[in-house]
Structures are given as structure tokens and as C-alpha cells.
Amino acid sequence: MRYVAAYLLAALGGNTSPSADDIKGILGSVGIDVDSEKLNIVMKELKGKDLEELIAAGNAKLASVPSGGGAVASGGGGGGAKDEAKEEAKEEKKEESEEESDDDMGFGLFD
């Protein structure tokens, strides 16, 4: 990923066809050692390709990847987060009442 990022930085800086030495210079400037084998693979894959087309194709692929958490099912008015908070408050209250019941007997589970 760092090689692709350095390639994109070079391209954004106006270098329409960055060389391996350009990438090495960018990565070296921030103290990253370059693995020549990985750099050669990236250079080979990007050689002669239009970056805007590659980015557009990547965005299209990413659009089909599910991301984020699951949606909260709500019974109507869209108060999913509010309902979830109420449910958590009920669970906390239930846990507290269970702890209090141990105290009421004069001993706890781990006493």
C-alpha cells in the first residue's frame, strides 16, 4: 500500500509517470525502507495505466463491499439509537437490582 500511496503522491505532484527512483525517494524521505521486489510489482502493474481510470474502477469495486455495522431495526419512527439506549439502561438497572438482592441477604457470591 505504501508503494501505491507514494506513486499517487508523485502523480499528484505533477509527475505523470513516476519511476521506481521517484518512489524510493518519496519513501526514503519519511524513513521507510523499500523492498525492491514489491516496488517492482507495483511499478509493473501501474505502468502505462491511467490513474483516474484505476481509481474509478477501484471505487466501483468498493461500492459492492459491505461496510459498517448492522442496522438497528426500529418499530417505526426511526428512534433506533434511542431504543437501544433505553434497552441498555434497562439491562443496567436489572444488573444493579441483582447486585442489591445479594446485599439484602447479607452476603455476596464471592464473600
C-alpha atoms as a PDB file:
ATOM      1  CA  MET A   1       0.000   0.000   0.000  1.00  0.00           C
ATOM      2  CA  ARG A   2       2.841   2.383   0.790  1.00  0.00           C
ATOM      3  CA  TYR A   3       4.217   1.972  -2.719  1.00  0.00           C
ATOM      4  CA  VAL A   4       0.877   2.789  -4.297  1.00  0.00           C
ATOM      5  CA  ALA A   5       0.479   5.773  -1.956  1.00  0.00           C
ATOM      6  CA  ALA A   6       3.931   7.076  -2.896  1.00  0.00           C
ATOM      7  CA  TYR A   7       3.113   6.572  -6.581  1.00  0.00           C
ATOM      8  CA  LEU A   8      -0.099   8.563  -6.160  1.00  0.00           C
ATOM      9  CA  LEU A   9       1.747  11.309  -4.287  1.00  0.00           C
ATOM     10  CA  ALA A  10       4.229  11.589  -7.134  1.00  0.00           C
ATOM     11  CA  ALA A  11       1.382  11.714  -9.652  1.00  0.00           C
ATOM     12  CA  LEU A  12      -0.444  14.375  -7.634  1.00  0.00           C
ATOM     13  CA  GLY A  13       2.775  16.369  -7.573  1.00  0.00           C
ATOM     14  CA  GLY A  14       2.695  16.566 -11.362  1.00  0.00           C
ATOM     15  CA  ASN A  15       4.846  13.575 -12.320  1.00  0.00           C
ATOM     16  CA  THR A  16       2.562  11.745 -14.770  1.00  0.00           C
ATOM     17  CA  SER A  17       4.850   8.720 -14.965  1.00  0.00           C
ATOM     18  CA  PRO A  18       6.778   8.243 -11.690  1.00  0.00           C
ATOM     19  CA  SER A  19       9.824   5.990 -11.796  1.00  0.00           C
ATOM     20  CA  ALA A  20      10.980   3.488  -9.184  1.00  0.00           C
ATOM     21  CA  ASP A  21      13.632   6.003  -8.107  1.00  0.00           C
ATOM     22  CA  ASP A  22      10.911   8.623  -7.571  1.00  0.00           C
ATOM     23  CA  ILE A  23       9.036   6.211  -5.309  1.00  0.00           C
ATOM     24  CA  LYS A  24      12.216   5.295  -3.436  1.00  0.00           C
ATOM     25  CA  GLY A  25      12.910   8.999  -2.907  1.00  0.00           C
ATOM     26  CA  ILE A  26       9.436   9.659  -1.518  1.00  0.00           C
ATOM     27  CA  LEU A  27       9.505   6.670   0.826  1.00  0.00           C
ATOM     28  CA  GLY A  28      13.101   7.317   1.853  1.00  0.00           C
ATOM     29  CA  SER A  29      12.223  10.891   2.801  1.00  0.00           C
ATOM     30  CA  VAL A  30       9.992   9.566   5.588  1.00  0.00           C
ATOM     31  CA  GLY A  31      12.375   6.818   6.691  1.00  0.00           C
ATOM     32  CA  ILE A  32      10.711   3.819   5.020  1.00  0.00           C
ATOM     33  CA  ASP A  33      12.961   1.083   3.663  1.00  0.00           C
ATOM     34  CA  VAL A  34      11.998  -0.007   0.172  1.00  0.00           C
ATOM     35  CA  ASP A  35      11.527  -3.662  -0.763  1.00  0.00           C
ATOM     36  CA  SER A  36      12.641  -3.657  -4.399  1.00  0.00           C
ATOM     37  CA  GLU A  37      10.632  -6.778  -5.249  1.00  0.00           C
ATOM     38  CA  LYS A  38       7.353  -5.262  -4.028  1.00  0.00           C
ATOM     39  CA  LEU A  39       8.141  -1.937  -5.665  1.00  0.00           C
ATOM     40  CA  ASN A  40       8.817  -3.673  -8.992  1.00  0.00           C
ATOM     41  CA  ILE A  41       5.443  -5.444  -8.801  1.00  0.00           C
ATOM     42  CA  VAL A  42       3.627  -2.149  -8.194  1.00  0.00           C
ATOM     43  CA  MET A  43       5.545  -0.404 -10.977  1.00  0.00           C
ATOM     44  CA  LYS A  44       4.776  -3.252 -13.385  1.00  0.00           C
ATOM     45  CA  GLU A  45       1.045  -3.183 -12.545  1.00  0.00           C
ATOM     46  CA  LEU A  46       0.745   0.609 -12.875  1.00  0.00           C
ATOM     47  CA  LYS A  47       2.933   1.065 -15.959  1.00  0.00           C
ATOM     48  CA  GLY A  48       1.056   2.767 -18.780  1.00  0.00           C
ATOM     49  CA  LYS A  49      -2.275   2.911 -16.953  1.00  0.00           C
ATOM     50  CA  ASP A  50      -4.394   5.999 -16.361  1.00  0.00           C
ATOM     51  CA  LEU A  51      -4.661   6.628 -12.616  1.00  0.00           C
ATOM     52  CA  GLU A  52      -8.095   8.223 -12.872  1.00  0.00           C
ATOM     53  CA  GLU A  53      -9.455   5.114 -14.586  1.00  0.00           C
ATOM     54  CA  LEU A  54      -7.834   2.856 -11.960  1.00  0.00           C
ATOM     55  CA  ILE A  55      -9.331   4.896  -9.132  1.00  0.00           C
ATOM     56  CA  ALA A  56     -12.772   4.843 -10.763  1.00  0.00           C
ATOM     57  CA  ALA A  57     -12.560   1.060 -11.205  1.00  0.00           C
ATOM     58  CA  GLY A  58     -11.467   0.675  -7.582  1.00  0.00           C
ATOM     59  CA  ASN A  59     -14.359   2.807  -6.366  1.00  0.00           C
ATOM     60  CA  ALA A  60     -16.785   0.650  -8.325  1.00  0.00           C
ATOM     61  CA  LYS A  61     -15.372  -2.474  -6.677  1.00  0.00           C
ATOM     62  CA  LEU A  62     -15.506  -0.904  -3.220  1.00  0.00           C
ATOM     63  CA  ALA A  63     -19.137   0.072  -3.706  1.00  0.00           C
ATOM     64  CA  SER A  64     -20.102  -3.602  -3.691  1.00  0.00           C
ATOM     65  CA  VAL A  65     -18.226  -4.370  -0.449  1.00  0.00           C
ATOM     66  CA  PRO A  66     -20.424  -4.300   2.642  1.00  0.00           C
ATOM     67  CA  SER A  67     -19.113  -1.980   5.319  1.00  0.00           C
ATOM     68  CA  GLY A  68     -20.161  -0.582   8.657  1.00  0.00           C
ATOM     69  CA  GLY A  69     -22.218  -2.164  11.372  1.00  0.00           C
ATOM     70  CA  GLY A  70     -25.590  -3.767  11.204  1.00  0.00           C
ATOM     71  CA  ALA A  71     -28.637  -1.567  11.048  1.00  0.00           C
ATOM     72  CA  VAL A  72     -30.838  -1.301  14.101  1.00  0.00           C
ATOM     73  CA  ALA A  73     -34.366  -2.472  13.404  1.00  0.00           C
ATOM     74  CA  SER A  74     -36.866   0.070  14.577  1.00  0.00           C
ATOM     75  CA  GLY A  75     -40.595  -0.243  15.087  1.00  0.00           C
ATOM     76  CA  GLY A  76     -41.479   2.934  13.292  1.00  0.00           C
ATOM     77  CA  GLY A  77     -40.399   6.487  13.908  1.00  0.00           C
ATOM     78  CA  GLY A  78     -36.681   5.963  13.396  1.00  0.00           C
ATOM     79  CA  GLY A  79     -35.667   6.126  17.063  1.00  0.00           C
ATOM     80  CA  GLY A  80     -33.301   3.138  16.788  1.00  0.00           C
ATOM     81  CA  ALA A  81     -30.444   4.656  18.787  1.00  0.00           C
ATOM     82  CA  LYS A  82     -32.889   5.938  21.389  1.00  0.00           C
ATOM     83  CA  ASP A  83     -34.482   2.475  21.713  1.00  0.00           C
ATOM     84  CA  GLU A  84     -31.068   0.873  22.052  1.00  0.00           C
ATOM     85  CA  ALA A  85     -30.090   3.309  24.813  1.00  0.00           C
ATOM     86  CA  LYS A  86     -33.329   2.536  26.675  1.00  0.00           C
ATOM     87  CA  GLU A  87     -32.646  -1.197  26.379  1.00  0.00           C
ATOM     88  CA  GLU A  88     -29.119  -0.757  27.757  1.00  0.00           C
ATOM     89  CA  ALA A  89     -30.480   1.301  30.647  1.00  0.00           C
ATOM     90  CA  LYS A  90     -32.974  -1.485  31.443  1.00  0.00           C
ATOM     91  CA  GLU A  91     -30.176  -4.077  31.414  1.00  0.00           C
ATOM     92  CA  GLU A  92     -28.025  -1.931  33.726  1.00  0.00           C
ATOM     93  CA  LYS A  93     -30.927  -1.451  36.113  1.00  0.00           C
ATOM     94  CA  LYS A  94     -31.578  -5.198  36.101  1.00  0.00           C
ATOM     95  CA  GLU A  95     -27.907  -5.917  36.893  1.00  0.00           C
ATOM     96  CA  GLU A  96     -27.961  -3.364  39.706  1.00  0.00           C
ATOM     97  CA  SER A  97     -31.091  -4.900  41.197  1.00  0.00           C
ATOM     98  CA  GLU A  98     -29.464  -8.343  41.114  1.00  0.00           C
ATOM     99  CA  GLU A  99     -26.435  -6.960  42.957  1.00  0.00           C
ATOM    100  CA  GLU A 100     -28.701  -5.290  45.513  1.00  0.00           C
ATOM    101  CA  SER A 101     -30.513  -8.557  46.129  1.00  0.00           C
ATOM    102  CA  ASP A 102     -27.188 -10.138  47.124  1.00  0.00           C
ATOM    103  CA  ASP A 103     -26.577  -7.255  49.518  1.00  0.00           C
ATOM    104  CA  ASP A 104     -30.027  -7.689  51.013  1.00  0.00           C
ATOM    105  CA  MET A 105     -29.221 -11.242  52.069  1.00  0.00           C
ATOM    106  CA  GLY A 106     -26.147 -10.095  53.935  1.00  0.00           C
ATOM    107  CA  PHE A 107     -23.624 -11.930  51.778  1.00  0.00           C
ATOM    108  CA  GLY A 108     -22.369 -11.915  48.241  1.00  0.00           C
ATOM    109  CA  LEU A 109     -21.314 -14.683  45.925  1.00  0.00           C
ATOM    110  CA  PHE A 110     -17.612 -14.021  46.458  1.00  0.00           C
ATOM    111  CA  ASP A 111     -17.619 -13.091  50.182  1.00  0.00           C
END
